[in-house]
Amino acid sequence: MPMPAAQLEADLREAFPDADIFIEDLAGDGDHYKARIASPSFNGLPRVRQHQLVYAALKGKVGGELHALALETTGKPAG
């Protein structure tokens, strides 16, 4: 079953409340998304660790409700 973009964004905002988040449905099917996330939580972390934090925030939904997720992550100043 597809995951609505609003649910994906809500899950990410819960984990990264101070982030700038942009979600794009790549195929129009609710299964293939691109997420751009800029958060102070990522400051100083390598990209792999940033992505691990995102996948952890989605609590196993990638590969289930969410078929594919392309990620762009970056740190940003706190505040």
N, C-alpha and C. Protein backbone atom coordinates (compact mmCIF):
# COMPACT_ATOMS: atom_id res chain seq x y z
N MET A 1 0.85 -1.18 0.00
CA MET A 1 0.00 0.00 0.00
C MET A 1 0.90 1.25 0.00
N PRO A 2 0.62 2.19 -0.87
CA PRO A 2 1.43 3.42 -0.95
C PRO A 2 1.36 4.25 0.33
N MET A 3 2.37 5.07 0.50
CA MET A 3 2.44 5.98 1.64
C MET A 3 2.17 7.39 1.12
N PRO A 4 1.17 8.07 1.66
CA PRO A 4 0.92 9.45 1.23
C PRO A 4 2.11 10.36 1.57
N ALA A 5 2.37 11.32 0.70
CA ALA A 5 3.46 12.27 0.93
C ALA A 5 3.30 12.99 2.25
N ALA A 6 2.07 13.29 2.62
CA ALA A 6 1.82 13.99 3.89
C ALA A 6 2.27 13.14 5.08
N GLN A 7 2.08 11.82 5.00
CA GLN A 7 2.51 10.94 6.09
C GLN A 7 4.03 10.86 6.15
N LEU A 8 4.66 10.78 4.99
CA LEU A 8 6.12 10.77 4.94
C LEU A 8 6.68 12.04 5.57
N GLU A 9 6.12 13.18 5.18
CA GLU A 9 6.59 14.45 5.73
C GLU A 9 6.34 14.51 7.23
N ALA A 10 5.18 14.05 7.69
CA ALA A 10 4.88 14.06 9.13
C ALA A 10 5.87 13.21 9.92
N ASP A 11 6.20 12.03 9.40
CA ASP A 11 7.17 11.17 10.07
C ASP A 11 8.54 11.85 10.16
N LEU A 12 8.94 12.50 9.07
CA LEU A 12 10.23 13.18 9.07
C LEU A 12 10.23 14.40 9.99
N ARG A 13 9.14 15.14 10.01
CA ARG A 13 9.06 16.32 10.89
C ARG A 13 9.05 15.93 12.36
N GLU A 14 8.48 14.78 12.66
CA GLU A 14 8.49 14.30 14.05
C GLU A 14 9.93 14.04 14.51
N ALA A 15 10.72 13.45 13.61
CA ALA A 15 12.11 13.13 13.95
C ALA A 15 13.04 14.33 13.85
N PHE A 16 12.73 15.25 12.95
CA PHE A 16 13.60 16.41 12.68
C PHE A 16 12.74 17.68 12.69
N PRO A 17 12.24 18.08 13.87
CA PRO A 17 11.30 19.21 13.94
C PRO A 17 11.90 20.54 13.49
N ASP A 18 13.21 20.67 13.52
CA ASP A 18 13.86 21.94 13.16
C ASP A 18 14.36 21.93 11.71
N ALA A 19 13.96 20.93 10.95
CA ALA A 19 14.48 20.76 9.59
C ALA A 19 13.64 21.51 8.55
N ASP A 20 14.30 21.84 7.45
CA ASP A 20 13.62 22.25 6.23
C ASP A 20 13.45 20.97 5.42
N ILE A 21 12.20 20.64 5.07
CA ILE A 21 11.92 19.37 4.41
C ILE A 21 11.11 19.64 3.14
N PHE A 22 11.53 19.04 2.05
CA PHE A 22 10.82 19.11 0.79
C PHE A 22 10.64 17.69 0.27
N ILE A 23 9.40 17.31 -0.04
CA ILE A 23 9.08 15.97 -0.53
C ILE A 23 8.60 16.08 -1.97
N GLU A 24 9.11 15.22 -2.83
CA GLU A 24 8.68 15.17 -4.24
C GLU A 24 8.28 13.73 -4.57
N ASP A 25 7.07 13.56 -5.11
CA ASP A 25 6.61 12.24 -5.56
C ASP A 25 7.16 12.05 -6.97
N LEU A 26 8.13 11.18 -7.12
CA LEU A 26 8.85 11.04 -8.39
C LEU A 26 8.04 10.37 -9.49
N ALA A 27 7.14 9.47 -9.13
CA ALA A 27 6.41 8.71 -10.14
C ALA A 27 4.90 8.96 -10.09
N GLY A 28 4.43 9.75 -9.12
CA GLY A 28 3.00 10.00 -8.98
C GLY A 28 2.22 8.82 -8.45
N ASP A 29 2.93 7.86 -7.84
CA ASP A 29 2.26 6.65 -7.38
C ASP A 29 2.28 6.47 -5.86
N GLY A 30 2.86 7.42 -5.13
CA GLY A 30 2.92 7.31 -3.68
C GLY A 30 3.90 6.27 -3.19
N ASP A 31 4.74 5.76 -4.08
CA ASP A 31 5.71 4.72 -3.72
C ASP A 31 7.16 5.14 -3.94
N HIS A 32 7.37 6.19 -4.73
CA HIS A 32 8.72 6.62 -5.11
C HIS A 32 8.87 8.10 -4.82
N TYR A 33 9.62 8.42 -3.78
CA TYR A 33 9.77 9.81 -3.35
C TYR A 33 11.22 10.25 -3.36
N LYS A 34 11.37 11.56 -3.41
CA LYS A 34 12.66 12.19 -3.17
C LYS A 34 12.43 13.13 -1.99
N ALA A 35 13.32 13.08 -1.02
CA ALA A 35 13.22 13.96 0.14
C ALA A 35 14.50 14.76 0.27
N ARG A 36 14.34 16.08 0.40
CA ARG A 36 15.47 16.96 0.72
C ARG A 36 15.27 17.43 2.14
N ILE A 37 16.27 17.16 2.98
CA ILE A 37 16.16 17.49 4.40
C ILE A 37 17.42 18.23 4.83
N ALA A 38 17.22 19.42 5.37
CA ALA A 38 18.33 20.21 5.93
C ALA A 38 18.04 20.38 7.41
N SER A 39 18.91 19.85 8.24
CA SER A 39 18.68 19.87 9.68
C SER A 39 19.97 20.07 10.45
N PRO A 40 19.92 20.83 11.53
CA PRO A 40 21.09 20.95 12.40
C PRO A 40 21.51 19.58 12.98
N SER A 41 20.58 18.63 13.02
CA SER A 41 20.90 17.28 13.52
C SER A 41 21.98 16.61 12.68
N PHE A 42 22.12 17.06 11.43
CA PHE A 42 23.09 16.46 10.53
C PHE A 42 24.45 17.14 10.55
N ASN A 43 24.55 18.26 11.24
CA ASN A 43 25.81 19.01 11.26
C ASN A 43 26.96 18.13 11.74
N GLY A 44 28.04 18.11 10.96
CA GLY A 44 29.23 17.37 11.32
C GLY A 44 29.18 15.88 11.08
N LEU A 45 28.05 15.38 10.58
CA LEU A 45 27.92 13.94 10.34
C LEU A 45 28.19 13.61 8.87
N PRO A 46 28.82 12.46 8.62
CA PRO A 46 28.99 12.05 7.22
C PRO A 46 27.62 11.73 6.60
N ARG A 47 27.57 11.82 5.30
CA ARG A 47 26.30 11.60 4.58
C ARG A 47 25.67 10.25 4.91
N VAL A 48 26.48 9.20 5.03
CA VAL A 48 25.94 7.87 5.34
C VAL A 48 25.21 7.90 6.68
N ARG A 49 25.78 8.54 7.67
CA ARG A 49 25.14 8.61 8.99
C ARG A 49 23.86 9.45 8.93
N GLN A 50 23.88 10.53 8.15
CA GLN A 50 22.67 11.34 7.97
C GLN A 50 21.53 10.48 7.42
N HIS A 51 21.84 9.69 6.40
CA HIS A 51 20.82 8.83 5.78
C HIS A 51 20.36 7.75 6.74
N GLN A 52 21.27 7.22 7.55
CA GLN A 52 20.88 6.22 8.55
C GLN A 52 19.87 6.81 9.53
N LEU A 53 20.08 8.06 9.92
CA LEU A 53 19.14 8.71 10.84
C LEU A 53 17.76 8.86 10.20
N VAL A 54 17.74 9.18 8.92
CA VAL A 54 16.45 9.31 8.21
C VAL A 54 15.75 7.96 8.16
N TYR A 55 16.47 6.91 7.76
CA TYR A 55 15.86 5.59 7.69
C TYR A 55 15.37 5.13 9.07
N ALA A 56 16.12 5.42 10.10
CA ALA A 56 15.70 5.06 11.46
C ALA A 56 14.42 5.79 11.83
N ALA A 57 14.31 7.05 11.43
CA ALA A 57 13.11 7.85 11.72
C ALA A 57 11.88 7.27 11.04
N LEU A 58 12.08 6.60 9.91
CA LEU A 58 10.95 6.03 9.17
C LEU A 58 10.57 4.64 9.67
N LYS A 59 11.26 4.14 10.66
CA LYS A 59 10.90 2.94 11.41
C LYS A 59 10.51 1.75 10.52
N GLY A 60 11.37 1.43 9.57
CA GLY A 60 11.15 0.24 8.75
C GLY A 60 10.15 0.39 7.63
N LYS A 61 9.65 1.58 7.37
CA LYS A 61 8.65 1.76 6.31
C LYS A 61 9.27 1.72 4.92
N VAL A 62 10.57 2.02 4.80
CA VAL A 62 11.24 1.94 3.50
C VAL A 62 11.38 0.47 3.13
N GLY A 63 10.91 0.13 1.95
CA GLY A 63 10.90 -1.26 1.52
C GLY A 63 9.56 -1.93 1.80
N GLY A 64 8.71 -1.27 2.57
CA GLY A 64 7.36 -1.77 2.86
C GLY A 64 6.36 -0.80 2.27
N GLU A 65 5.81 0.07 3.13
CA GLU A 65 4.86 1.09 2.67
C GLU A 65 5.49 2.02 1.65
N LEU A 66 6.76 2.25 1.79
CA LEU A 66 7.50 3.18 0.94
C LEU A 66 8.50 2.37 0.12
N HIS A 67 8.25 2.27 -1.17
CA HIS A 67 9.08 1.41 -2.02
C HIS A 67 10.47 1.99 -2.24
N ALA A 68 10.56 3.30 -2.53
CA ALA A 68 11.85 3.90 -2.84
C ALA A 68 11.91 5.33 -2.31
N LEU A 69 13.08 5.68 -1.77
CA LEU A 69 13.27 7.03 -1.26
C LEU A 69 14.67 7.50 -1.63
N ALA A 70 14.73 8.51 -2.49
CA ALA A 70 15.99 9.16 -2.83
C ALA A 70 16.19 10.28 -1.81
N LEU A 71 17.37 10.36 -1.23
CA LEU A 71 17.63 11.33 -0.17
C LEU A 71 18.69 12.35 -0.57
N GLU A 72 18.44 13.58 -0.18
CA GLU A 72 19.45 14.64 -0.18
C GLU A 72 19.40 15.22 1.22
N THR A 73 20.49 15.08 1.95
CA THR A 73 20.53 15.59 3.32
C THR A 73 21.70 16.53 3.48
N THR A 74 21.52 17.48 4.38
CA THR A 74 22.59 18.44 4.68
C THR A 74 22.33 19.03 6.06
N GLY A 75 23.40 19.49 6.67
CA GLY A 75 23.25 20.20 7.93
C GLY A 75 22.84 21.64 7.66
N LYS A 76 22.48 22.33 8.72
CA LYS A 76 22.17 23.76 8.61
C LYS A 76 22.40 24.38 9.97
N PRO A 77 22.57 25.67 10.03
CA PRO A 77 22.79 26.32 11.32
C PRO A 77 21.60 26.11 12.26
N ALA A 78 21.87 25.89 13.52
CA ALA A 78 20.80 25.75 14.51
C ALA A 78 20.12 27.11 14.71
N GLY A 79 18.84 27.02 15.04
CA GLY A 79 18.14 28.27 15.34
C GLY A 79 17.26 28.63 14.29
